[in-house]
Amino acid sequence: MYYDIRDFKHLEGYQVELKFDDSRTGIVDFGRYVNRGGVFSRFADMEYFRQAAIESGVLCWPGGVDIAPETLYHEATGEPLPMWMHDEGQGEAA
């Protein structure tokens, strides 16, 4: 699917350039994920954050941490999230 991540490159800080299966590229700032807590609090350790890898089109980190490629596609390109990612009747992404 075109949301799959084909390649990525770390830029400054928490910024990462992502390239998707449809050849679109965009930059996502993962810094905001640090403040979400939970598994994303591990991103505060830049050494851990830089251990990202692509597994089956998904950007992953050690310990089973990942972010849905559809979400990253939306953040990188500004394209709307797919309808199946919206709550019924809410009109906003889940």
PDB file of N, CA and C in Angstrom:
ATOM      1  N   MET A   1       0.844  -1.183   0.000  1.00  0.00           N
ATOM      2  CA  MET A   1       0.000   0.000   0.000  1.00  0.00           C
ATOM      3  C   MET A   1       0.884   1.239   0.000  1.00  0.00           C
ATOM      4  N   TYR A   2       0.374   2.353  -0.512  1.00  0.00           N
ATOM      5  CA  TYR A   2       1.220   3.530  -0.664  1.00  0.00           C
ATOM      6  C   TYR A   2       1.589   4.201   0.643  1.00  0.00           C
ATOM      7  N   TYR A   3       1.008   3.779   1.763  1.00  0.00           N
ATOM      8  CA  TYR A   3       1.393   4.344   3.055  1.00  0.00           C
ATOM      9  C   TYR A   3       2.687   3.731   3.580  1.00  0.00           C
ATOM     10  N   ASP A   4       3.084   2.597   3.029  1.00  0.00           N
ATOM     11  CA  ASP A   4       4.290   1.939   3.523  1.00  0.00           C
ATOM     12  C   ASP A   4       5.500   2.848   3.362  1.00  0.00           C
ATOM     13  N   ILE A   5       6.364   2.804   4.363  1.00  0.00           N
ATOM     14  CA  ILE A   5       7.584   3.608   4.339  1.00  0.00           C
ATOM     15  C   ILE A   5       8.661   2.815   3.616  1.00  0.00           C
ATOM     16  N   ARG A   6       9.255   3.438   2.638  1.00  0.00           N
ATOM     17  CA  ARG A   6      10.299   2.793   1.844  1.00  0.00           C
ATOM     18  C   ARG A   6      11.690   3.146   2.376  1.00  0.00           C
ATOM     19  N   ASP A   7      11.855   4.388   2.842  1.00  0.00           N
ATOM     20  CA  ASP A   7      13.172   4.844   3.290  1.00  0.00           C
ATOM     21  C   ASP A   7      12.979   5.992   4.269  1.00  0.00           C
ATOM     22  N   PHE A   8      13.999   6.259   5.078  1.00  0.00           N
ATOM     23  CA  PHE A   8      13.946   7.402   5.991  1.00  0.00           C
ATOM     24  C   PHE A   8      15.355   7.902   6.246  1.00  0.00           C
ATOM     25  N   LYS A   9      15.422   9.156   6.692  1.00  0.00           N
ATOM     26  CA  LYS A   9      16.714   9.757   7.011  1.00  0.00           C
ATOM     27  C   LYS A   9      16.528  10.670   8.213  1.00  0.00           C
ATOM     28  N   HIS A  10      17.369  10.475   9.239  1.00  0.00           N
ATOM     29  CA  HIS A  10      17.351  11.365  10.397  1.00  0.00           C
ATOM     30  C   HIS A  10      17.920  12.717   9.987  1.00  0.00           C
ATOM     31  N   LEU A  11      17.246  13.768  10.401  1.00  0.00           N
ATOM     32  CA  LEU A  11      17.726  15.126  10.166  1.00  0.00           C
ATOM     33  C   LEU A  11      18.159  15.696  11.511  1.00  0.00           C
ATOM     34  N   GLU A  12      17.837  16.947  11.793  1.00  0.00           N
ATOM     35  CA  GLU A  12      18.196  17.544  13.087  1.00  0.00           C
ATOM     36  C   GLU A  12      17.205  17.151  14.167  1.00  0.00           C
ATOM     37  N   GLY A  13      17.712  16.937  15.378  1.00  0.00           N
ATOM     38  CA  GLY A  13      16.840  16.640  16.504  1.00  0.00           C
ATOM     39  C   GLY A  13      15.939  15.456  16.223  1.00  0.00           C
ATOM     40  N   TYR A  14      14.639  15.689  16.371  1.00  0.00           N
ATOM     41  CA  TYR A  14      13.662  14.628  16.167  1.00  0.00           C
ATOM     42  C   TYR A  14      13.042  14.651  14.777  1.00  0.00           C
ATOM     43  N   GLN A  15      13.588  15.445  13.891  1.00  0.00           N
ATOM     44  CA  GLN A  15      13.042  15.497  12.542  1.00  0.00           C
ATOM     45  C   GLN A  15      13.567  14.334  11.706  1.00  0.00           C
ATOM     46  N   VAL A  16      12.629  13.707  10.999  1.00  0.00           N
ATOM     47  CA  VAL A  16      12.957  12.564  10.150  1.00  0.00           C
ATOM     48  C   VAL A  16      12.275  12.769   8.801  1.00  0.00           C
ATOM     49  N   GLU A  17      13.049  12.610   7.739  1.00  0.00           N
ATOM     50  CA  GLU A  17      12.479  12.646   6.401  1.00  0.00           C
ATOM     51  C   GLU A  17      12.047  11.231   6.037  1.00  0.00           C
ATOM     52  N   LEU A  18      10.806  11.093   5.608  1.00  0.00           N
ATOM     53  CA  LEU A  18      10.250   9.793   5.259  1.00  0.00           C
ATOM     54  C   LEU A  18       9.950   9.739   3.771  1.00  0.00           C
ATOM     55  N   LYS A  19      10.189   8.584   3.157  1.00  0.00           N
ATOM     56  CA  LYS A  19       9.826   8.354   1.761  1.00  0.00           C
ATOM     57  C   LYS A  19       8.871   7.168   1.730  1.00  0.00           C
ATOM     58  N   PHE A  20       7.743   7.353   1.044  1.00  0.00           N
ATOM     59  CA  PHE A  20       6.681   6.358   1.015  1.00  0.00           C
ATOM     60  C   PHE A  20       6.652   5.613  -0.311  1.00  0.00           C
ATOM     61  N   ASP A  21       5.875   4.526  -0.344  1.00  0.00           N
ATOM     62  CA  ASP A  21       5.777   3.686  -1.542  1.00  0.00           C
ATOM     63  C   ASP A  21       5.314   4.441  -2.781  1.00  0.00           C
ATOM     64  N   ASP A  22       4.540   5.509  -2.596  1.00  0.00           N
ATOM     65  CA  ASP A  22       4.073   6.282  -3.752  1.00  0.00           C
ATOM     66  C   ASP A  22       5.089   7.347  -4.166  1.00  0.00           C
ATOM     67  N   SER A  23       6.300   7.266  -3.617  1.00  0.00           N
ATOM     68  CA  SER A  23       7.428   8.168  -3.889  1.00  0.00           C
ATOM     69  C   SER A  23       7.281   9.550  -3.263  1.00  0.00           C
ATOM     70  N   ARG A  24       6.211   9.798  -2.524  1.00  0.00           N
ATOM     71  CA  ARG A  24       6.088  11.080  -1.826  1.00  0.00           C
ATOM     72  C   ARG A  24       7.034  11.082  -0.633  1.00  0.00           C
ATOM     73  N   THR A  25       7.532  12.256  -0.310  1.00  0.00           N
ATOM     74  CA  THR A  25       8.404  12.419   0.851  1.00  0.00           C
ATOM     75  C   THR A  25       7.865  13.545   1.716  1.00  0.00           C
ATOM     76  N   GLY A  26       8.271  13.531   2.957  1.00  0.00           N
ATOM     77  CA  GLY A  26       7.893  14.591   3.874  1.00  0.00           C
ATOM     78  C   GLY A  26       8.678  14.453   5.156  1.00  0.00           C
ATOM     79  N   ILE A  27       8.655  15.509   5.940  1.00  0.00           N
ATOM     80  CA  ILE A  27       9.392  15.534   7.206  1.00  0.00           C
ATOM     81  C   ILE A  27       8.399  15.485   8.358  1.00  0.00           C
ATOM     82  N   VAL A  28       8.689  14.618   9.319  1.00  0.00           N
ATOM     83  CA  VAL A  28       7.888  14.503  10.533  1.00  0.00           C
ATOM     84  C   VAL A  28       8.779  14.849  11.711  1.00  0.00           C
ATOM     85  N   ASP A  29       8.265  15.692  12.610  1.00  0.00           N
ATOM     86  CA  ASP A  29       8.979  16.021  13.842  1.00  0.00           C
ATOM     87  C   ASP A  29       8.424  15.130  14.952  1.00  0.00           C
ATOM     88  N   PHE A  30       9.218  14.163  15.365  1.00  0.00           N
ATOM     89  CA  PHE A  30       8.795  13.201  16.375  1.00  0.00           C
ATOM     90  C   PHE A  30       8.938  13.746  17.793  1.00  0.00           C
ATOM     91  N   GLY A  31       9.415  14.974  17.952  1.00  0.00           N
ATOM     92  CA  GLY A  31       9.588  15.558  19.273  1.00  0.00           C
ATOM     93  C   GLY A  31       8.306  15.577  20.086  1.00  0.00           C
ATOM     94  N   ARG A  32       7.175  15.765  19.416  1.00  0.00           N
ATOM     95  CA  ARG A  32       5.902  15.820  20.148  1.00  0.00           C
ATOM     96  C   ARG A  32       5.507  14.468  20.731  1.00  0.00           C
ATOM     97  N   TYR A  33       6.062  13.396  20.190  1.00  0.00           N
ATOM     98  CA  TYR A  33       5.752  12.067  20.723  1.00  0.00           C
ATOM     99  C   TYR A  33       6.393  11.855  22.097  1.00  0.00           C
ATOM    100  N   VAL A  34       7.506  12.519  22.360  1.00  0.00           N
ATOM    101  CA  VAL A  34       8.200  12.373  23.647  1.00  0.00           C
ATOM    102  C   VAL A  34       7.258  12.721  24.793  1.00  0.00           C
ATOM    103  N   ASN A  35       6.467  13.777  24.626  1.00  0.00           N
ATOM    104  CA  ASN A  35       5.569  14.243  25.685  1.00  0.00           C
ATOM    105  C   ASN A  35       4.311  13.405  25.832  1.00  0.00           C
ATOM    106  N   ARG A  36       4.093  12.462  24.949  1.00  0.00           N
ATOM    107  CA  ARG A  36       2.912  11.602  25.047  1.00  0.00           C
ATOM    108  C   ARG A  36       3.062  10.555  26.143  1.00  0.00           C
ATOM    109  N   GLY A  37       4.290  10.343  26.593  1.00  0.00           N
ATOM    110  CA  GLY A  37       4.519   9.359  27.643  1.00  0.00           C
ATOM    111  C   GLY A  37       4.413   7.934  27.130  1.00  0.00           C
ATOM    112  N   GLY A  38       4.220   7.019  28.039  1.00  0.00           N
ATOM    113  CA  GLY A  38       4.132   5.607  27.673  1.00  0.00           C
ATOM    114  C   GLY A  38       5.375   5.156  26.936  1.00  0.00           C
ATOM    115  N   VAL A  39       5.182   4.328  25.917  1.00  0.00           N
ATOM    116  CA  VAL A  39       6.322   3.796  25.171  1.00  0.00           C
ATOM    117  C   VAL A  39       7.108   4.902  24.475  1.00  0.00           C
ATOM    118  N   PHE A  40       6.433   6.016  24.137  1.00  0.00           N
ATOM    119  CA  PHE A  40       7.113   7.092  23.426  1.00  0.00           C
ATOM    120  C   PHE A  40       8.057   7.899  24.319  1.00  0.00           C
ATOM    121  N   SER A  41       7.947   7.756  25.634  1.00  0.00           N
ATOM    122  CA  SER A  41       8.875   8.458  26.527  1.00  0.00           C
ATOM    123  C   SER A  41      10.309   7.992  26.282  1.00  0.00           C
ATOM    124  N   ARG A  42      10.465   6.806  25.681  1.00  0.00           N
ATOM    125  CA  ARG A  42      11.809   6.305  25.370  1.00  0.00           C
ATOM    126  C   ARG A  42      12.488   7.160  24.307  1.00  0.00           C
ATOM    127  N   PHE A  43      11.709   7.918  23.532  1.00  0.00           N
ATOM    128  CA  PHE A  43      12.288   8.793  22.509  1.00  0.00           C
ATOM    129  C   PHE A  43      13.144   9.897  23.131  1.00  0.00           C
ATOM    130  N   ALA A  44      12.971  10.174  24.423  1.00  0.00           N
ATOM    131  CA  ALA A  44      13.790  11.186  25.090  1.00  0.00           C
ATOM    132  C   ALA A  44      15.272  10.816  25.028  1.00  0.00           C
ATOM    133  N   ASP A  45      15.551   9.530  24.919  1.00  0.00           N
ATOM    134  CA  ASP A  45      16.921   9.041  24.748  1.00  0.00           C
ATOM    135  C   ASP A  45      17.218   9.051  23.248  1.00  0.00           C
ATOM    136  N   MET A  46      17.964  10.061  22.798  1.00  0.00           N
ATOM    137  CA  MET A  46      18.227  10.232  21.368  1.00  0.00           C
ATOM    138  C   MET A  46      18.920   9.009  20.773  1.00  0.00           C
ATOM    139  N   GLU A  47      19.756   8.336  21.553  1.00  0.00           N
ATOM    140  CA  GLU A  47      20.417   7.122  21.058  1.00  0.00           C
ATOM    141  C   GLU A  47      19.370   6.051  20.718  1.00  0.00           C
ATOM    142  N   TYR A  48      18.382   5.908  21.589  1.00  0.00           N
ATOM    143  CA  TYR A  48      17.285   4.967  21.322  1.00  0.00           C
ATOM    144  C   TYR A  48      16.499   5.415  20.089  1.00  0.00           C
ATOM    145  N   PHE A  49      16.147   6.699  20.026  1.00  0.00           N
ATOM    146  CA  PHE A  49      15.353   7.214  18.911  1.00  0.00           C
ATOM    147  C   PHE A  49      16.031   6.939  17.574  1.00  0.00           C
ATOM    148  N   ARG A  50      17.349   7.053  17.543  1.00  0.00           N
ATOM    149  CA  ARG A  50      18.086   6.860  16.290  1.00  0.00           C
ATOM    150  C   ARG A  50      18.242   5.385  15.904  1.00  0.00           C
ATOM    151  N   GLN A  51      17.700   4.473  16.708  1.00  0.00           N
ATOM    152  CA  GLN A  51      17.729   3.045  16.372  1.00  0.00           C
ATOM    153  C   GLN A  51      16.538   2.628  15.505  1.00  0.00           C
ATOM    154  N   ALA A  52      15.813   3.593  14.988  1.00  0.00           N
ATOM    155  CA  ALA A  52      14.651   3.291  14.141  1.00  0.00           C
ATOM    156  C   ALA A  52      15.065   2.435  12.950  1.00  0.00           C
ATOM    157  N   ALA A  53      14.145   1.603  12.520  1.00  0.00           N
ATOM    158  CA  ALA A  53      14.350   0.746  11.351  1.00  0.00           C
ATOM    159  C   ALA A  53      12.993   0.525  10.687  1.00  0.00           C
ATOM    160  N   ILE A  54      13.022   0.128   9.436  1.00  0.00           N
ATOM    161  CA  ILE A  54      11.784  -0.171   8.721  1.00  0.00           C
ATOM    162  C   ILE A  54      11.571  -1.680   8.729  1.00  0.00           C
ATOM    163  N   GLU A  55      10.390  -2.089   9.177  1.00  0.00           N
ATOM    164  CA  GLU A  55       9.999  -3.499   9.168  1.00  0.00           C
ATOM    165  C   GLU A  55       8.646  -3.605   8.484  1.00  0.00           C
ATOM    166  N   SER A  56       8.606  -4.253   7.344  1.00  0.00           N
ATOM    167  CA  SER A  56       7.361  -4.442   6.587  1.00  0.00           C
ATOM    168  C   SER A  56       6.639  -3.122   6.323  1.00  0.00           C
ATOM    169  N   GLY A  57       7.398  -2.082   5.997  1.00  0.00           N
ATOM    170  CA  GLY A  57       6.815  -0.790   5.654  1.00  0.00           C
ATOM    171  C   GLY A  57       6.454   0.087   6.832  1.00  0.00           C
ATOM    172  N   VAL A  58       6.812  -0.343   8.039  1.00  0.00           N
ATOM    173  CA  VAL A  58       6.470   0.385   9.262  1.00  0.00           C
ATOM    174  C   VAL A  58       7.754   0.858   9.934  1.00  0.00           C
ATOM    175  N   LEU A  59       7.780   2.117  10.390  1.00  0.00           N
ATOM    176  CA  LEU A  59       8.928   2.634  11.129  1.00  0.00           C
ATOM    177  C   LEU A  59       8.832   2.130  12.565  1.00  0.00           C
ATOM    178  N   CYS A  60       9.844   1.372  12.999  1.00  0.00           N
ATOM    179  CA  CYS A  60       9.830   0.690  14.295  1.00  0.00           C
ATOM    180  C   CYS A  60      11.080   1.013  15.096  1.00  0.00           C
ATOM    181  N   TRP A  61      10.962   0.817  16.406  1.00  0.00           N
ATOM    182  CA  TRP A  61      12.079   0.950  17.324  1.00  0.00           C
ATOM    183  C   TRP A  61      12.159  -0.317  18.158  1.00  0.00           C
ATOM    184  N   PRO A  62      13.301  -0.567  18.794  1.00  0.00           N
ATOM    185  CA  PRO A  62      13.436  -1.757  19.639  1.00  0.00           C
ATOM    186  C   PRO A  62      12.354  -1.806  20.720  1.00  0.00           C
ATOM    187  N   GLY A  63      11.962  -3.003  21.072  1.00  0.00           N
ATOM    188  CA  GLY A  63      10.968  -3.181  22.124  1.00  0.00           C
ATOM    189  C   GLY A  63       9.533  -3.111  21.625  1.00  0.00           C
ATOM    190  N   GLY A  64       9.344  -3.202  20.312  1.00  0.00           N
ATOM    191  CA  GLY A  64       7.993  -3.228  19.770  1.00  0.00           C
ATOM    192  C   GLY A  64       7.321  -1.881  19.613  1.00  0.00           C
ATOM    193  N   VAL A  65       8.079  -0.798  19.644  1.00  0.00           N
ATOM    194  CA  VAL A  65       7.506   0.541  19.477  1.00  0.00           C
ATOM    195  C   VAL A  65       7.402   0.850  17.989  1.00  0.00           C
ATOM    196  N   ASP A  66       6.222   1.289  17.558  1.00  0.00           N
ATOM    197  CA  ASP A  66       6.052   1.707  16.167  1.00  0.00           C
ATOM    198  C   ASP A  66       4.931   2.732  16.072  1.00  0.00           C
ATOM    199  N   ILE A  67       4.845   3.368  14.921  1.00  0.00           N
ATOM    200  CA  ILE A  67       3.777   4.331  14.643  1.00  0.00           C
ATOM    201  C   ILE A  67       3.182   3.939  13.303  1.00  0.00           C
ATOM    202  N   ALA A  68       1.867   3.888  13.229  1.00  0.00           N
ATOM    203  CA  ALA A  68       1.184   3.467  12.007  1.00  0.00           C
ATOM    204  C   ALA A  68       1.659   4.293  10.817  1.00  0.00           C
ATOM    205  N   PRO A  69       2.013   3.639   9.717  1.00  0.00           N
ATOM    206  CA  PRO A  69       2.477   4.382   8.551  1.00  0.00           C
ATOM    207  C   PRO A  69       1.420   5.334   7.999  1.00  0.00           C
ATOM    208  N   GLU A  70       0.130   5.014   8.177  1.00  0.00           N
ATOM    209  CA  GLU A  70      -0.929   5.915   7.730  1.00  0.00           C
ATOM    210  C   GLU A  70      -0.865   7.240   8.481  1.00  0.00           C
ATOM    211  N   THR A  71      -0.599   7.157   9.779  1.00  0.00           N
ATOM    212  CA  THR A  71      -0.469   8.363  10.597  1.00  0.00           C
ATOM    213  C   THR A  71       0.728   9.182  10.146  1.00  0.00           C
ATOM    214  N   LEU A  72       1.851   8.522   9.909  1.00  0.00           N
ATOM    215  CA  LEU A  72       3.054   9.237   9.480  1.00  0.00           C
ATOM    216  C   LEU A  72       2.880   9.830   8.087  1.00  0.00           C
ATOM    217  N   TYR A  73       2.160   9.139   7.215  1.00  0.00           N
ATOM    218  CA  TYR A  73       1.885   9.665   5.871  1.00  0.00           C
ATOM    219  C   TYR A  73       1.094  10.970   5.991  1.00  0.00           C
ATOM    220  N   HIS A  74       0.090  10.965   6.843  1.00  0.00           N
ATOM    221  CA  HIS A  74      -0.712  12.166   7.086  1.00  0.00           C
ATOM    222  C   HIS A  74       0.156  13.302   7.625  1.00  0.00           C
ATOM    223  N   GLU A  75       0.992  13.003   8.609  1.00  0.00           N
ATOM    224  CA  GLU A  75       1.840  14.030   9.215  1.00  0.00           C
ATOM    225  C   GLU A  75       2.882  14.554   8.233  1.00  0.00           C
ATOM    226  N   ALA A  76       3.409  13.684   7.377  1.00  0.00           N
ATOM    227  CA  ALA A  76       4.478  14.072   6.450  1.00  0.00           C
ATOM    228  C   ALA A  76       3.956  14.800   5.215  1.00  0.00           C
ATOM    229  N   THR A  77       2.754  14.444   4.764  1.00  0.00           N
ATOM    230  CA  THR A  77       2.257  14.985   3.494  1.00  0.00           C
ATOM    231  C   THR A  77       1.079  15.935   3.648  1.00  0.00           C
ATOM    232  N   GLY A  78       0.417  15.888   4.793  1.00  0.00           N
ATOM    233  CA  GLY A  78      -0.780  16.699   4.980  1.00  0.00           C
ATOM    234  C   GLY A  78      -2.027  16.087   4.366  1.00  0.00           C
ATOM    235  N   GLU A  79      -1.881  14.917   3.747  1.00  0.00           N
ATOM    236  CA  GLU A  79      -3.039  14.233   3.167  1.00  0.00           C
ATOM    237  C   GLU A  79      -3.963  13.766   4.293  1.00  0.00           C
ATOM    238  N   PRO A  80      -5.274  13.770   4.054  1.00  0.00           N
ATOM    239  CA  PRO A  80      -6.206  13.305   5.090  1.00  0.00           C
ATOM    240  C   PRO A  80      -5.960  11.845   5.446  1.00  0.00           C
ATOM    241  N   LEU A  81      -6.272  11.508   6.676  1.00  0.00           N
ATOM    242  CA  LEU A  81      -6.201  10.115   7.101  1.00  0.00           C
ATOM    243  C   LEU A  81      -7.265   9.317   6.364  1.00  0.00           C
ATOM    244  N   PRO A  82      -7.021   8.023   6.124  1.00  0.00           N
ATOM    245  CA  PRO A  82      -8.039   7.200   5.479  1.00  0.00           C
ATOM    246  C   PRO A  82      -9.315   7.159   6.326  1.00  0.00           C
ATOM    247  N   MET A  83     -10.448   7.021   5.677  1.00  0.00           N
ATOM    248  CA  MET A  83     -11.738   7.040   6.376  1.00  0.00           C
ATOM    249  C   MET A  83     -11.831   5.976   7.465  1.00  0.00           C
ATOM    250  N   TRP A  84     -11.215   4.816   7.255  1.00  0.00           N
ATOM    251  CA  TRP A  84     -11.323   3.761   8.258  1.00  0.00           C
ATOM    252  C   TRP A  84     -10.611   4.117   9.555  1.00  0.00           C
ATOM    253  N   MET A  85      -9.804   5.187   9.544  1.00  0.00           N
ATOM    254  CA  MET A  85      -9.113   5.607  10.766  1.00  0.00           C
ATOM    255  C   MET A  85      -9.920   6.646  11.543  1.00  0.00           C
ATOM    256  N   HIS A  86     -11.103   6.980  11.071  1.00  0.00           N
ATOM    257  CA  HIS A  86     -11.965   7.950  11.737  1.00  0.00           C
ATOM    258  C   HIS A  86     -12.992   7.223  12.597  1.00  0.00           C
ATOM    259  N   ASP A  87     -13.345   7.837  13.735  1.00  0.00           N
ATOM    260  CA  ASP A  87     -14.441   7.304  14.552  1.00  0.00           C
ATOM    261  C   ASP A  87     -15.746   7.534  13.805  1.00  0.00           C
ATOM    262  N   GLU A  88     -16.650   6.567  13.862  1.00  0.00           N
ATOM    263  CA  GLU A  88     -17.946   6.732  13.210  1.00  0.00           C
ATOM    264  C   GLU A  88     -18.646   7.958  13.769  1.00  0.00           C
ATOM    265  N   GLY A  89     -19.095   8.815  12.855  1.00  0.00           N
ATOM    266  CA  GLY A  89     -19.867   9.983  13.251  1.00  0.00           C
ATOM    267  C   GLY A  89     -19.064  11.099  13.880  1.00  0.00           C
ATOM    268  N   GLN A  90     -17.778  10.933  14.070  1.00  0.00           N
ATOM    269  CA  GLN A  90     -16.978  11.957  14.727  1.00  0.00           C
ATOM    270  C   GLN A  90     -16.358  12.932  13.743  1.00  0.00           C
ATOM    271  N   GLY A  91     -15.992  12.443  12.558  1.00  0.00           N
ATOM    272  CA  GLY A  91     -15.382  13.320  11.576  1.00  0.00           C
ATOM    273  C   GLY A  91     -13.934  13.663  11.859  1.00  0.00           C
ATOM    274  N   GLU A  92     -13.370  13.112  12.911  1.00  0.00           N
ATOM    275  CA  GLU A  92     -11.964  13.346  13.230  1.00  0.00           C
ATOM    276  C   GLU A  92     -11.258  12.010  13.343  1.00  0.00           C
ATOM    277  N   ALA A  93      -9.949  12.059  13.154  1.00  0.00           N
ATOM    278  CA  ALA A  93      -9.162  10.828  13.232  1.00  0.00           C
ATOM    279  C   ALA A  93      -9.216  10.253  14.628  1.00  0.00           C
ATOM    280  N   ALA A  94      -9.179   8.956  14.674  1.00  0.00           N
ATOM    281  CA  ALA A  94      -9.173   8.257  15.971  1.00  0.00           C
ATOM    282  C   ALA A  94      -7.841   8.396  16.643  1.00  0.00           C
TER     283      ALA A  94
END
